[in-house]
């Protein structure tokens, strides 16, 4: 009775197919993780804008935060005491700006350095004077 076994070519073919499937799965998985991080970055940007709007309603101007990295408490305080609840590790900056029409607006910029963007920027930026939001990477 003869034993049946796989030839070396068959084993290599099987390993090639498995490695292709694994690489496609890994790429899809990392894209999904990055998209989830971008969604969380947008949510944090909205929370920061709401905090600035609440401060403006009470005080008639916007608070300032020089560029800072959010620590494990997930809290950042503005120069005038505004509390921003943000995600740990984000780089955050906000400041009042003068608009062309003479009013005061707000500028907000947030970055998540953990987003793999293949050498592209990974931030959101909002300017209330022009009512424009820039979100990079463009998805």
N, C-alpha and C. Protein backbone atom coordinates (compact mmCIF):
# COMPACT_ATOMS: atom_id res chain seq x y z
N UNK A 1 0.83 -1.16 0.00
CA UNK A 1 0.00 0.00 0.00
C UNK A 1 0.89 1.25 0.00
N UNK A 2 0.57 2.13 -0.88
CA UNK A 2 1.37 3.33 -1.04
C UNK A 2 0.75 4.48 -0.25
N UNK A 3 1.60 5.24 0.54
CA UNK A 3 1.11 6.40 1.29
C UNK A 3 1.01 7.59 0.36
N UNK A 4 -0.08 8.35 0.53
CA UNK A 4 -0.25 9.56 -0.29
C UNK A 4 0.23 10.75 0.52
N UNK A 5 1.06 11.58 -0.07
CA UNK A 5 1.56 12.77 0.61
C UNK A 5 1.56 13.94 -0.37
N UNK A 6 1.77 15.13 0.17
CA UNK A 6 1.81 16.33 -0.66
C UNK A 6 3.22 16.53 -1.20
N UNK A 7 3.27 17.00 -2.43
CA UNK A 7 4.58 17.32 -2.99
C UNK A 7 5.00 18.71 -2.51
N UNK A 8 6.25 19.04 -2.67
CA UNK A 8 6.77 20.34 -2.26
C UNK A 8 6.06 21.47 -3.00
N UNK A 9 5.76 21.29 -4.25
CA UNK A 9 5.06 22.30 -5.06
C UNK A 9 3.66 22.55 -4.50
N UNK A 10 2.96 21.52 -4.12
CA UNK A 10 1.62 21.67 -3.56
C UNK A 10 1.66 22.42 -2.23
N UNK A 11 2.63 22.12 -1.41
CA UNK A 11 2.76 22.81 -0.13
C UNK A 11 3.08 24.29 -0.36
N UNK A 12 3.99 24.59 -1.28
CA UNK A 12 4.33 25.99 -1.57
C UNK A 12 3.13 26.73 -2.15
N UNK A 13 2.35 26.08 -3.00
CA UNK A 13 1.16 26.70 -3.57
C UNK A 13 0.16 27.03 -2.46
N UNK A 14 -0.04 26.09 -1.54
CA UNK A 14 -0.96 26.33 -0.42
C UNK A 14 -0.49 27.47 0.47
N UNK A 15 0.81 27.55 0.76
CA UNK A 15 1.34 28.64 1.56
C UNK A 15 1.20 29.98 0.85
N UNK A 16 1.36 29.99 -0.46
CA UNK A 16 1.20 31.23 -1.22
C UNK A 16 -0.23 31.74 -1.14
N UNK A 17 -1.19 30.87 -1.31
CA UNK A 17 -2.60 31.24 -1.23
C UNK A 17 -2.93 31.76 0.17
N UNK A 18 -2.45 31.08 1.20
CA UNK A 18 -2.71 31.52 2.57
C UNK A 18 -2.08 32.88 2.86
N UNK A 19 -0.87 33.13 2.36
CA UNK A 19 -0.23 34.42 2.62
C UNK A 19 -0.95 35.55 1.90
N UNK A 20 -1.49 35.31 0.72
CA UNK A 20 -2.26 36.33 0.01
C UNK A 20 -3.53 36.67 0.78
N UNK A 21 -4.22 35.66 1.25
CA UNK A 21 -5.44 35.88 2.03
C UNK A 21 -5.12 36.64 3.32
N UNK A 22 -4.05 36.27 3.99
CA UNK A 22 -3.66 36.95 5.24
C UNK A 22 -3.31 38.41 4.99
N UNK A 23 -2.60 38.71 3.91
CA UNK A 23 -2.22 40.12 3.65
C UNK A 23 -3.45 40.96 3.31
N UNK A 24 -4.40 40.43 2.56
CA UNK A 24 -5.63 41.16 2.25
C UNK A 24 -6.42 41.42 3.52
N UNK A 25 -6.50 40.43 4.40
CA UNK A 25 -7.22 40.59 5.66
C UNK A 25 -6.57 41.64 6.54
N UNK A 26 -5.24 41.64 6.61
CA UNK A 26 -4.53 42.60 7.43
C UNK A 26 -4.75 44.03 6.93
N UNK A 27 -4.70 44.24 5.62
CA UNK A 27 -4.91 45.58 5.05
C UNK A 27 -6.32 46.07 5.37
N UNK A 28 -7.32 45.22 5.20
CA UNK A 28 -8.70 45.60 5.50
C UNK A 28 -8.87 45.92 6.97
N UNK A 29 -8.24 45.13 7.83
CA UNK A 29 -8.35 45.34 9.27
C UNK A 29 -7.72 46.67 9.66
N UNK A 30 -6.53 46.98 9.15
CA UNK A 30 -5.90 48.25 9.53
C UNK A 30 -6.64 49.45 8.98
N UNK A 31 -7.25 49.33 7.82
CA UNK A 31 -8.06 50.45 7.31
C UNK A 31 -9.25 50.70 8.21
N UNK A 32 -9.88 49.64 8.69
CA UNK A 32 -11.04 49.79 9.57
C UNK A 32 -10.64 50.44 10.89
N UNK A 33 -9.50 50.04 11.44
CA UNK A 33 -9.02 50.64 12.69
C UNK A 33 -8.77 52.13 12.48
N UNK A 34 -8.13 52.51 11.38
CA UNK A 34 -7.88 53.93 11.10
C UNK A 34 -9.18 54.70 10.94
N UNK A 35 -10.17 54.12 10.27
CA UNK A 35 -11.45 54.81 10.10
C UNK A 35 -12.11 55.03 11.45
N UNK A 36 -12.03 54.05 12.35
CA UNK A 36 -12.59 54.21 13.69
C UNK A 36 -11.88 55.34 14.44
N UNK A 37 -10.55 55.43 14.29
CA UNK A 37 -9.80 56.49 14.96
C UNK A 37 -10.16 57.86 14.39
N UNK A 38 -10.40 57.95 13.09
CA UNK A 38 -10.78 59.22 12.47
C UNK A 38 -12.17 59.65 12.97
N UNK A 39 -13.08 58.70 13.12
CA UNK A 39 -14.41 59.01 13.65
C UNK A 39 -14.29 59.54 15.08
N UNK A 40 -13.46 58.92 15.91
CA UNK A 40 -13.26 59.40 17.28
C UNK A 40 -12.62 60.79 17.29
N UNK A 41 -11.71 61.04 16.36
CA UNK A 41 -11.09 62.36 16.26
C UNK A 41 -12.14 63.42 15.93
N UNK A 42 -13.05 63.11 15.02
CA UNK A 42 -14.13 64.05 14.67
C UNK A 42 -15.03 64.31 15.88
N UNK A 43 -15.37 63.24 16.63
CA UNK A 43 -16.22 63.41 17.81
C UNK A 43 -15.54 64.30 18.85
N UNK A 44 -14.24 64.13 19.04
CA UNK A 44 -13.52 64.98 19.99
C UNK A 44 -13.50 66.42 19.52
N UNK A 45 -13.38 66.63 18.21
CA UNK A 45 -13.43 67.98 17.67
C UNK A 45 -14.77 68.65 17.92
N UNK A 46 -15.84 67.89 17.79
CA UNK A 46 -17.18 68.43 18.05
C UNK A 46 -17.33 68.77 19.53
N UNK A 47 -16.82 67.89 20.43
CA UNK A 47 -16.88 68.19 21.87
C UNK A 47 -16.10 69.46 22.19
N UNK A 48 -14.94 69.64 21.57
CA UNK A 48 -14.14 70.85 21.81
C UNK A 48 -14.88 72.09 21.34
N UNK A 49 -15.53 72.00 20.18
CA UNK A 49 -16.29 73.15 19.66
C UNK A 49 -17.46 73.48 20.57
N UNK A 50 -18.15 72.46 21.09
CA UNK A 50 -19.26 72.70 22.01
C UNK A 50 -18.79 73.38 23.29
N UNK A 51 -17.63 72.94 23.80
CA UNK A 51 -17.08 73.57 25.01
C UNK A 51 -16.74 75.03 24.75
N UNK A 52 -16.18 75.32 23.58
CA UNK A 52 -15.85 76.70 23.22
C UNK A 52 -17.13 77.53 23.08
N UNK A 53 -18.16 76.96 22.45
CA UNK A 53 -19.43 77.68 22.29
C UNK A 53 -20.07 77.99 23.65
N UNK A 54 -20.02 77.03 24.57
CA UNK A 54 -20.57 77.27 25.91
C UNK A 54 -19.80 78.37 26.63
N UNK A 55 -18.48 78.36 26.49
CA UNK A 55 -17.67 79.40 27.11
C UNK A 55 -18.00 80.76 26.50
N UNK A 56 -18.19 80.78 25.19
CA UNK A 56 -18.50 82.04 24.49
C UNK A 56 -19.84 82.60 24.95
N UNK A 57 -20.84 81.73 25.12
CA UNK A 57 -22.16 82.19 25.56
C UNK A 57 -22.09 82.84 26.95
N UNK A 58 -21.24 82.32 27.82
CA UNK A 58 -21.13 82.87 29.17
C UNK A 58 -20.25 84.11 29.23
N UNK A 59 -19.19 84.18 28.42
CA UNK A 59 -18.17 85.20 28.59
C UNK A 59 -18.00 86.16 27.40
N UNK A 60 -18.60 85.85 26.28
CA UNK A 60 -18.51 86.74 25.12
C UNK A 60 -17.20 86.64 24.35
N UNK A 61 -16.35 85.69 24.69
CA UNK A 61 -15.14 85.44 23.92
C UNK A 61 -14.78 83.96 24.02
N UNK A 62 -13.73 83.55 23.31
CA UNK A 62 -13.32 82.15 23.31
C UNK A 62 -12.08 81.96 24.16
N UNK A 63 -11.91 80.76 24.69
CA UNK A 63 -10.75 80.43 25.50
C UNK A 63 -9.58 80.02 24.60
N UNK A 64 -8.39 80.02 25.17
CA UNK A 64 -7.18 79.70 24.42
C UNK A 64 -6.48 78.49 25.04
N UNK A 65 -5.99 77.58 24.19
CA UNK A 65 -5.14 76.47 24.62
C UNK A 65 -4.00 76.39 23.63
N UNK A 66 -2.77 76.62 24.12
CA UNK A 66 -1.61 76.43 23.26
C UNK A 66 -1.48 74.95 22.93
N UNK A 67 -0.77 74.63 21.86
CA UNK A 67 -0.66 73.24 21.43
C UNK A 67 -0.17 72.38 22.58
N UNK A 68 -0.95 71.34 22.90
CA UNK A 68 -0.64 70.46 24.02
C UNK A 68 -1.05 69.04 23.68
N UNK A 69 -0.43 68.08 24.32
CA UNK A 69 -0.81 66.68 24.16
C UNK A 69 -1.70 66.29 25.33
N UNK A 70 -2.83 65.66 25.04
CA UNK A 70 -3.80 65.28 26.06
C UNK A 70 -3.22 64.12 26.88
N UNK A 71 -3.23 64.25 28.21
CA UNK A 71 -2.67 63.21 29.07
C UNK A 71 -3.73 62.17 29.44
N UNK A 72 -3.39 61.28 30.36
CA UNK A 72 -4.27 60.15 30.69
C UNK A 72 -5.56 60.57 31.38
N UNK A 73 -5.64 61.78 31.92
CA UNK A 73 -6.88 62.23 32.55
C UNK A 73 -7.93 62.58 31.50
N UNK A 74 -7.50 62.75 30.26
CA UNK A 74 -8.37 63.12 29.13
C UNK A 74 -9.04 64.47 29.35
N UNK A 75 -8.38 65.33 30.13
CA UNK A 75 -8.91 66.67 30.38
C UNK A 75 -7.85 67.70 30.02
N UNK A 76 -8.27 68.75 29.34
CA UNK A 76 -7.40 69.88 29.04
C UNK A 76 -8.14 71.13 29.48
N UNK A 77 -7.43 72.01 30.19
CA UNK A 77 -8.04 73.26 30.65
C UNK A 77 -7.49 74.41 29.83
N UNK A 78 -8.40 75.28 29.40
CA UNK A 78 -7.99 76.48 28.69
C UNK A 78 -7.36 77.49 29.63
N UNK A 79 -6.80 78.54 29.06
CA UNK A 79 -6.16 79.59 29.87
C UNK A 79 -7.14 80.22 30.85
N UNK A 80 -8.42 80.25 30.49
CA UNK A 80 -9.44 80.85 31.36
C UNK A 80 -10.31 79.81 32.06
N UNK A 81 -9.87 78.55 32.07
CA UNK A 81 -10.56 77.53 32.84
C UNK A 81 -11.55 76.65 32.10
N UNK A 82 -11.71 76.83 30.80
CA UNK A 82 -12.63 75.96 30.06
C UNK A 82 -12.11 74.53 30.09
N UNK A 83 -13.01 73.58 30.39
CA UNK A 83 -12.64 72.17 30.45
C UNK A 83 -12.98 71.50 29.13
N UNK A 84 -11.99 70.86 28.53
CA UNK A 84 -12.17 70.10 27.29
C UNK A 84 -11.94 68.63 27.62
N UNK A 85 -12.95 67.77 27.33
CA UNK A 85 -12.82 66.32 27.51
C UNK A 85 -12.41 65.74 26.17
N UNK A 86 -11.17 65.28 26.08
CA UNK A 86 -10.62 64.80 24.82
C UNK A 86 -9.97 63.43 25.02
N UNK A 87 -9.61 62.79 23.95
CA UNK A 87 -9.02 61.46 24.00
C UNK A 87 -7.52 61.54 24.28
N UNK A 88 -7.03 60.65 25.12
CA UNK A 88 -5.62 60.64 25.49
C UNK A 88 -4.73 60.49 24.25
N UNK A 89 -3.66 61.25 24.23
CA UNK A 89 -2.68 61.16 23.14
C UNK A 89 -2.91 62.16 22.02
N UNK A 90 -4.09 62.78 21.96
CA UNK A 90 -4.35 63.77 20.91
C UNK A 90 -3.50 65.01 21.13
N UNK A 91 -3.15 65.65 20.05
CA UNK A 91 -2.50 66.95 20.12
C UNK A 91 -3.59 67.97 19.84
N UNK A 92 -3.78 68.92 20.76
CA UNK A 92 -4.93 69.83 20.71
C UNK A 92 -4.48 71.27 20.79
N UNK A 93 -5.16 72.11 20.03
CA UNK A 93 -4.88 73.55 20.05
C UNK A 93 -6.17 74.28 19.71
N UNK A 94 -6.44 75.36 20.42
CA UNK A 94 -7.59 76.21 20.09
C UNK A 94 -7.28 77.65 20.51
N UNK A 95 -7.83 78.58 19.76
CA UNK A 95 -7.59 79.99 20.10
C UNK A 95 -8.66 80.86 19.46
N UNK A 96 -8.91 82.03 20.08
CA UNK A 96 -9.81 82.99 19.44
C UNK A 96 -9.08 83.64 18.26
N UNK A 97 -9.85 83.96 17.22
CA UNK A 97 -9.28 84.63 16.05
C UNK A 97 -10.17 85.80 15.66
N UNK A 98 -9.60 86.77 15.00
CA UNK A 98 -10.36 87.93 14.52
C UNK A 98 -10.85 87.64 13.10
N UNK A 99 -12.15 87.82 12.90
CA UNK A 99 -12.73 87.61 11.58
C UNK A 99 -12.66 88.90 10.77
N UNK A 100 -12.80 88.78 9.45
CA UNK A 100 -12.74 89.94 8.56
C UNK A 100 -13.85 90.95 8.84
N UNK A 101 -15.01 90.46 9.33
CA UNK A 101 -16.14 91.36 9.57
C UNK A 101 -16.06 92.04 10.95
N UNK A 102 -14.95 91.86 11.67
CA UNK A 102 -14.76 92.51 12.96
C UNK A 102 -15.21 91.69 14.16
N UNK A 103 -15.82 90.54 13.93
CA UNK A 103 -16.25 89.69 15.04
C UNK A 103 -15.11 88.77 15.47
N UNK A 104 -15.34 88.07 16.55
CA UNK A 104 -14.36 87.11 17.04
C UNK A 104 -14.83 85.70 16.71
N UNK A 105 -13.93 84.88 16.23
CA UNK A 105 -14.23 83.49 15.92
C UNK A 105 -13.31 82.57 16.70
N UNK A 106 -13.39 81.29 16.39
CA UNK A 106 -12.56 80.31 17.08
C UNK A 106 -11.87 79.41 16.05
N UNK A 107 -10.64 79.04 16.38
CA UNK A 107 -9.85 78.12 15.57
C UNK A 107 -9.55 76.91 16.43
N UNK A 108 -9.80 75.72 15.90
CA UNK A 108 -9.54 74.47 16.62
C UNK A 108 -8.75 73.55 15.71
N UNK A 109 -7.71 72.94 16.24
CA UNK A 109 -6.94 71.94 15.50
C UNK A 109 -6.65 70.77 16.43
N UNK A 110 -6.92 69.56 15.95
CA UNK A 110 -6.66 68.34 16.72
C UNK A 110 -5.97 67.34 15.83
N UNK A 111 -5.01 66.61 16.41
CA UNK A 111 -4.30 65.56 15.69
C UNK A 111 -4.30 64.29 16.51
N UNK A 112 -4.34 63.16 15.82
CA UNK A 112 -4.14 61.87 16.46
C UNK A 112 -2.89 61.25 15.85
N UNK A 113 -1.77 61.30 16.54
CA UNK A 113 -0.53 60.78 15.96
C UNK A 113 -0.54 59.27 15.76
N UNK A 114 -1.54 58.58 16.31
CA UNK A 114 -1.59 57.13 16.17
C UNK A 114 -2.22 56.68 14.85
N UNK A 115 -2.83 57.58 14.11
CA UNK A 115 -3.45 57.20 12.84
C UNK A 115 -2.36 56.97 11.81
N UNK A 116 -2.37 55.79 11.22
CA UNK A 116 -1.40 55.49 10.16
C UNK A 116 -1.92 56.08 8.86
N UNK A 117 -1.23 57.07 8.37
CA UNK A 117 -1.74 57.77 7.20
C UNK A 117 -0.79 57.71 6.02
N UNK A 118 0.23 56.88 6.11
CA UNK A 118 1.17 56.72 5.00
C UNK A 118 1.71 58.08 4.55
N UNK A 119 2.30 58.79 5.53
CA UNK A 119 2.98 60.07 5.32
C UNK A 119 2.04 61.23 5.02
N UNK A 120 0.75 61.07 5.26
CA UNK A 120 -0.19 62.18 5.11
C UNK A 120 -0.55 62.73 6.48
N UNK A 121 -1.05 63.95 6.50
CA UNK A 121 -1.45 64.56 7.77
C UNK A 121 -2.62 63.79 8.36
N UNK A 122 -2.79 63.91 9.65
CA UNK A 122 -3.86 63.21 10.36
C UNK A 122 -4.50 64.15 11.37
N UNK A 123 -5.23 65.13 10.87
CA UNK A 123 -5.79 66.14 11.77
C UNK A 123 -7.14 66.63 11.28
N UNK A 124 -7.85 67.31 12.21
CA UNK A 124 -9.02 68.07 11.83
C UNK A 124 -8.74 69.51 12.21
N UNK A 125 -9.29 70.42 11.45
CA UNK A 125 -9.06 71.84 11.67
C UNK A 125 -10.38 72.56 11.41
N UNK A 126 -10.76 73.48 12.31
CA UNK A 126 -12.01 74.21 12.15
C UNK A 126 -11.76 75.70 12.34
N UNK A 127 -12.32 76.50 11.45
CA UNK A 127 -12.23 77.96 11.52
C UNK A 127 -13.66 78.49 11.47
N UNK A 128 -14.15 79.09 12.56
CA UNK A 128 -15.54 79.54 12.61
C UNK A 128 -15.77 80.81 11.79
N UNK A 129 -14.71 81.60 11.54
CA UNK A 129 -14.89 82.82 10.74
C UNK A 129 -15.33 82.47 9.32
N UNK A 130 -14.70 81.45 8.78
CA UNK A 130 -15.03 81.02 7.41
C UNK A 130 -16.01 79.86 7.42
N UNK A 131 -16.33 79.35 8.63
CA UNK A 131 -17.19 78.19 8.80
C UNK A 131 -16.71 77.03 7.92
N UNK A 132 -15.41 76.76 8.01
CA UNK A 132 -14.82 75.68 7.23
C UNK A 132 -14.18 74.66 8.15
N UNK A 133 -14.32 73.42 7.77
CA UNK A 133 -13.66 72.32 8.49
C UNK A 133 -12.79 71.58 7.49
N UNK A 134 -11.56 71.30 7.90
CA UNK A 134 -10.65 70.52 7.07
C UNK A 134 -10.39 69.23 7.83
N UNK A 135 -10.58 68.11 7.16
CA UNK A 135 -10.34 66.82 7.79
C UNK A 135 -9.34 66.08 6.92
N UNK A 136 -8.19 65.76 7.50
CA UNK A 136 -7.18 65.00 6.78
C UNK A 136 -6.91 63.73 7.56
N UNK A 137 -6.77 62.61 7.00
CA UNK A 137 -6.79 62.37 5.57
C UNK A 137 -8.21 62.40 5.02
N UNK A 138 -8.35 62.79 3.78
CA UNK A 138 -9.66 62.80 3.13
C UNK A 138 -10.12 61.38 2.90
N UNK A 139 -11.23 61.04 3.48
CA UNK A 139 -11.78 59.68 3.30
C UNK A 139 -13.17 59.79 2.73
